[in-house]
C-alpha atoms as a PDB file:
ATOM      1  CA  MET A   1     -37.848  -9.184  54.414  1.00  0.00           C
ATOM      2  CA  GLY A   2     -35.493  -6.817  56.218  1.00  0.00           C
ATOM      3  CA  SER A   3     -35.129  -3.151  55.528  1.00  0.00           C
ATOM      4  CA  GLY A   4     -35.077  -3.387  51.751  1.00  0.00           C
ATOM      5  CA  ILE A   5     -36.920  -1.826  48.869  1.00  0.00           C
ATOM      6  CA  LEU A   6     -38.229  -3.896  45.983  1.00  0.00           C
ATOM      7  CA  ILE A   7     -37.820  -2.384  42.534  1.00  0.00           C
ATOM      8  CA  TYR A   8     -39.528  -3.987  39.545  1.00  0.00           C
ATOM      9  CA  ASN A   9     -37.944  -3.312  36.174  1.00  0.00           C
ATOM     10  CA  ILE A  10     -40.614  -4.004  33.560  1.00  0.00           C
ATOM     11  CA  LYS A  11     -38.216  -3.841  30.608  1.00  0.00           C
ATOM     12  CA  TYR A  12     -36.038  -6.662  31.919  1.00  0.00           C
ATOM     13  CA  THR A  13     -38.671  -8.257  34.168  1.00  0.00           C
ATOM     14  CA  LYS A  14     -36.247  -8.594  37.051  1.00  0.00           C
ATOM     15  CA  ILE A  15     -36.799  -7.866  40.675  1.00  0.00           C
ATOM     16  CA  TYR A  16     -33.953  -6.362  42.649  1.00  0.00           C
ATOM     17  CA  LYS A  17     -33.848  -6.088  46.375  1.00  0.00           C
ATOM     18  CA  ILE A  18     -31.840  -3.075  47.432  1.00  0.00           C
ATOM     19  CA  PHE A  19     -31.135  -2.839  51.137  1.00  0.00           C
ATOM     20  CA  THR A  20     -30.859   0.454  52.860  1.00  0.00           C
ATOM     21  CA  PHE A  21     -27.075   0.432  52.774  1.00  0.00           C
ATOM     22  CA  ILE A  22     -27.533   4.168  52.689  1.00  0.00           C
ATOM     23  CA  GLN A  23     -27.890   4.181  56.492  1.00  0.00           C
ATOM     24  CA  ILE A  24     -24.107   4.106  56.631  1.00  0.00           C
ATOM     25  CA  MET A  25     -23.844   6.939  54.137  1.00  0.00           C
ATOM     26  CA  GLU A  26     -26.441   9.231  55.733  1.00  0.00           C
ATOM     27  CA  LYS A  27     -29.355   7.870  53.700  1.00  0.00           C
ATOM     28  CA  ARG A  28     -27.982   9.017  50.345  1.00  0.00           C
ATOM     29  CA  SER A  29     -29.443   7.718  47.109  1.00  0.00           C
ATOM     30  CA  PHE A  30     -26.928   5.812  45.020  1.00  0.00           C
ATOM     31  CA  ARG A  31     -27.664   8.319  42.263  1.00  0.00           C
ATOM     32  CA  SER A  32     -26.091  11.033  44.424  1.00  0.00           C
ATOM     33  CA  PHE A  33     -22.731   9.237  44.004  1.00  0.00           C
ATOM     34  CA  ILE A  34     -22.845   9.373  40.185  1.00  0.00           C
ATOM     35  CA  GLY A  35     -20.637  12.117  38.768  1.00  0.00           C
ATOM     36  CA  LYS A  36     -18.865  12.883  42.059  1.00  0.00           C
ATOM     37  CA  GLN A  37     -15.123  13.260  41.987  1.00  0.00           C
ATOM     38  CA  VAL A  38     -13.150  10.652  43.927  1.00  0.00           C
ATOM     39  CA  VAL A  39     -10.032  11.758  45.792  1.00  0.00           C
ATOM     40  CA  THR A  40      -7.687  10.106  48.262  1.00  0.00           C
ATOM     41  CA  LYS A  41      -7.545  11.393  51.821  1.00  0.00           C
ATOM     42  CA  GLU A  42      -4.168  12.841  50.793  1.00  0.00           C
ATOM     43  CA  GLY A  43      -6.020  14.967  48.212  1.00  0.00           C
ATOM     44  CA  LYS A  44      -4.932  13.141  45.055  1.00  0.00           C
ATOM     45  CA  LYS A  45      -7.629  13.084  42.358  1.00  0.00           C
ATOM     46  CA  ILE A  46      -8.522   9.662  40.960  1.00  0.00           C
ATOM     47  CA  GLY A  47     -11.560  10.083  38.707  1.00  0.00           C
ATOM     48  CA  PHE A  48     -15.351  10.434  38.671  1.00  0.00           C
ATOM     49  CA  VAL A  49     -18.019   7.914  39.664  1.00  0.00           C
ATOM     50  CA  LYS A  50     -19.699   6.424  36.611  1.00  0.00           C
ATOM     51  CA  ASP A  51     -21.590   3.602  38.327  1.00  0.00           C
ATOM     52  CA  ILE A  52     -21.787   1.467  41.448  1.00  0.00           C
ATOM     53  CA  THR A  53     -21.718  -2.317  41.616  1.00  0.00           C
ATOM     54  CA  PHE A  54     -23.591  -4.189  44.329  1.00  0.00           C
ATOM     55  CA  GLU A  55     -24.618  -7.703  45.260  1.00  0.00           C
ATOM     56  CA  ALA A  56     -28.214  -7.961  44.027  1.00  0.00           C
ATOM     57  CA  ARG A  57     -29.155 -10.617  46.577  1.00  0.00           C
ATOM     58  CA  THR A  58     -27.942  -8.742  49.665  1.00  0.00           C
ATOM     59  CA  GLY A  59     -27.694  -5.135  48.516  1.00  0.00           C
ATOM     60  CA  GLU A  60     -24.063  -4.961  49.658  1.00  0.00           C
ATOM     61  CA  LEU A  61     -22.042  -2.338  47.786  1.00  0.00           C
ATOM     62  CA  ILE A  62     -18.995  -3.808  46.065  1.00  0.00           C
ATOM     63  CA  HIS A  63     -17.264  -1.154  43.911  1.00  0.00           C
ATOM     64  CA  LEU A  64     -17.388   2.383  42.654  1.00  0.00           C
ATOM     65  CA  VAL A  65     -16.836   2.309  38.884  1.00  0.00           C
ATOM     66  CA  LEU A  66     -14.699   5.301  37.885  1.00  0.00           C
ATOM     67  CA  LYS A  67     -14.390   7.119  34.560  1.00  0.00           C
ATOM     68  CA  ASP A  68     -12.177  10.008  33.428  1.00  0.00           C
ATOM     69  CA  LEU A  69      -9.240   8.560  35.332  1.00  0.00           C
ATOM     70  CA  THR A  70      -6.243  10.680  36.213  1.00  0.00           C
ATOM     71  CA  SER A  71      -2.685   9.577  35.557  1.00  0.00           C
ATOM     72  CA  TYR A  72      -2.313   8.982  39.298  1.00  0.00           C
ATOM     73  CA  THR A  73      -4.406   5.802  39.023  1.00  0.00           C
ATOM     74  CA  THR A  74      -1.453   4.065  37.377  1.00  0.00           C
ATOM     75  CA  ASN A  75       0.223   4.162  40.831  1.00  0.00           C
ATOM     76  CA  LEU A  76      -2.693   2.231  42.360  1.00  0.00           C
ATOM     77  CA  SER A  77      -3.541  -1.468  42.214  1.00  0.00           C
ATOM     78  CA  LEU A  78      -7.094  -1.071  40.972  1.00  0.00           C
ATOM     79  CA  GLU A  79      -9.098  -3.709  39.147  1.00  0.00           C
ATOM     80  CA  ARG A  80     -10.256  -2.623  35.691  1.00  0.00           C
ATOM     81  CA  THR A  81     -13.351  -3.310  33.638  1.00  0.00           C
ATOM     82  CA  LYS A  82     -13.218  -4.413  30.000  1.00  0.00           C
ATOM     83  CA  GLU A  83     -13.657  -0.732  29.132  1.00  0.00           C
ATOM     84  CA  LYS A  84     -10.560   0.128  31.262  1.00  0.00           C
ATOM     85  CA  GLU A  85     -12.630   1.868  33.949  1.00  0.00           C
ATOM     86  CA  ALA A  86     -11.208   1.583  37.463  1.00  0.00           C
ATOM     87  CA  LEU A  87     -13.000  -0.346  40.218  1.00  0.00           C
ATOM     88  CA  VAL A  88     -12.556   1.148  43.683  1.00  0.00           C
ATOM     89  CA  PRO A  89     -13.574  -1.183  46.521  1.00  0.00           C
ATOM     90  CA  TYR A  90     -16.475   0.341  48.420  1.00  0.00           C
ATOM     91  CA  ASN A  91     -14.869  -0.512  51.767  1.00  0.00           C
ATOM     92  CA  SER A  92     -12.139   2.047  50.976  1.00  0.00           C
ATOM     93  CA  VAL A  93     -14.679   4.933  51.081  1.00  0.00           C
ATOM     94  CA  ILE A  94     -14.030   7.165  54.078  1.00  0.00           C
ATOM     95  CA  ALA A  95     -16.423  10.072  53.483  1.00  0.00           C
ATOM     96  CA  VAL A  96     -19.013  11.356  51.032  1.00  0.00           C
ATOM     97  CA  GLY A  97     -19.717  15.047  50.571  1.00  0.00           C
ATOM     98  CA  ASP A  98     -18.885  17.294  47.639  1.00  0.00           C
ATOM     99  CA  PHE A  99     -16.223  14.648  46.908  1.00  0.00           C
ATOM    100  CA  ILE A 100     -15.935  10.961  47.694  1.00  0.00           C
ATOM    101  CA  VAL A 101     -12.847  10.438  49.837  1.00  0.00           C
ATOM    102  CA  VAL A 102     -11.110   7.052  49.794  1.00  0.00           C
ATOM    103  CA  SER A 103      -8.243   5.574  51.771  1.00  0.00           C
ATOM    104  CA  GLU A 104      -5.231   5.288  49.494  1.00  0.00           C
ATOM    105  CA  GLU A 105      -3.782   2.545  51.718  1.00  0.00           C
ATOM    106  CA  ASP A 106      -6.733   0.341  50.763  1.00  0.00           C
ATOM    107  CA  LEU A 107      -5.951   0.853  47.072  1.00  0.00           C
ATOM    108  CA  LEU A 108      -2.279  -0.155  47.102  1.00  0.00           C
END
């Protein structure tokens, strides 16, 4: 079954397999991303992480869903949700610490 964890959600009776994608990010829980500020490596503030999207079958991270967007996000070619939240591709993440640092080149 690989290096995944099975989580059973009784309310929705669904089973999700979440792989340990965290190995890349120093074994961080996805919850540790929520609420963190996202900045470019140039130091420009983008917004705060509201949620994370991932492929349920493989556990692959797809996007960081951002809220409280700054005006700088209008300069970036980011996908948007129906609620106008920005979607930052996970492959643009460079580092995670007190902030989440992303490559601005990947967002243009």
